[in-house]
């Protein structure tokens, strides 16, 4: 199992250079689609390559378009997009040679698909993206697992639930946000309900313009900056890095903080910080 994991990582590594240098040896278009009538959820499973998902108010179909890139013709042939419907759920998936445990990798082998999905904006989305940058916008709601690469989420009307392993995360215009992040900077702006950061291992965090409350349950390293919050700001545990809160209508609370400064300005409610951080 461990050897399969490392082979997959080695296979994915060259894809960034392929995208930037446009030196894809074998390339082919891939498409798929289905009628969207009666669909209650779209599940996306994307492997190596960039991912873009866009909701459209007038869309009557779910369409997937992609460009497959590979180092060999046989690897290109094995790189495919599938769109299938099971009841009221539609699955959009990429199939790549590295998904097959029996595939034998040679030197400079690579395979990936840059995937672009368009769907009705009123349909909830559940997505897993293994590597490459991802952008998802104009959606009803989103559950997202992202392994590596930058992640951008914009104009998600309802709830966002994100688990992000590495790469920067940017969220703008959302209903509510709940996230777990391992590494990379976090930027969140314009949320109409609550923001809950269950865990953030490393990287700076900036949260701005939240109509609900902000709760940061655990932050290991990197600065925290929270501004323009109509509810409360509650930092339960912070290991290192500075904390700053400003223009908060409710309370500002820091329960545990190991190192770094705590500053605040314009707090409408109570301010509660650890004794060792008191002036």
Foldseek 3Di string as FASTA:
>chain_A
DVVLVVVLVVQQVCVVVCVVVVPFPDKDKAKDKDFLPLAAEEEEEFERAEEEEEADQPDGMKMKIKMKGWPDPVQSVQWHWDWDDDRNYIYIYTGGPSVDSPDDDDPPTYIHMHMYIYYHQAHEYEYEYEEEEYEYESHQEYEYEYEEYEYEYEQHAEEYEYEYEDHEYEYERYAEYEYEYEDHEYHYEHYAEEYEYAEYEDYAYEYEQYAYEYEYAYYEDYEYEYENYAYEYEYEEYEEYAYEYEQYQEEYEYNYYNYYAYYYYNYNYYYYYDPVRDD
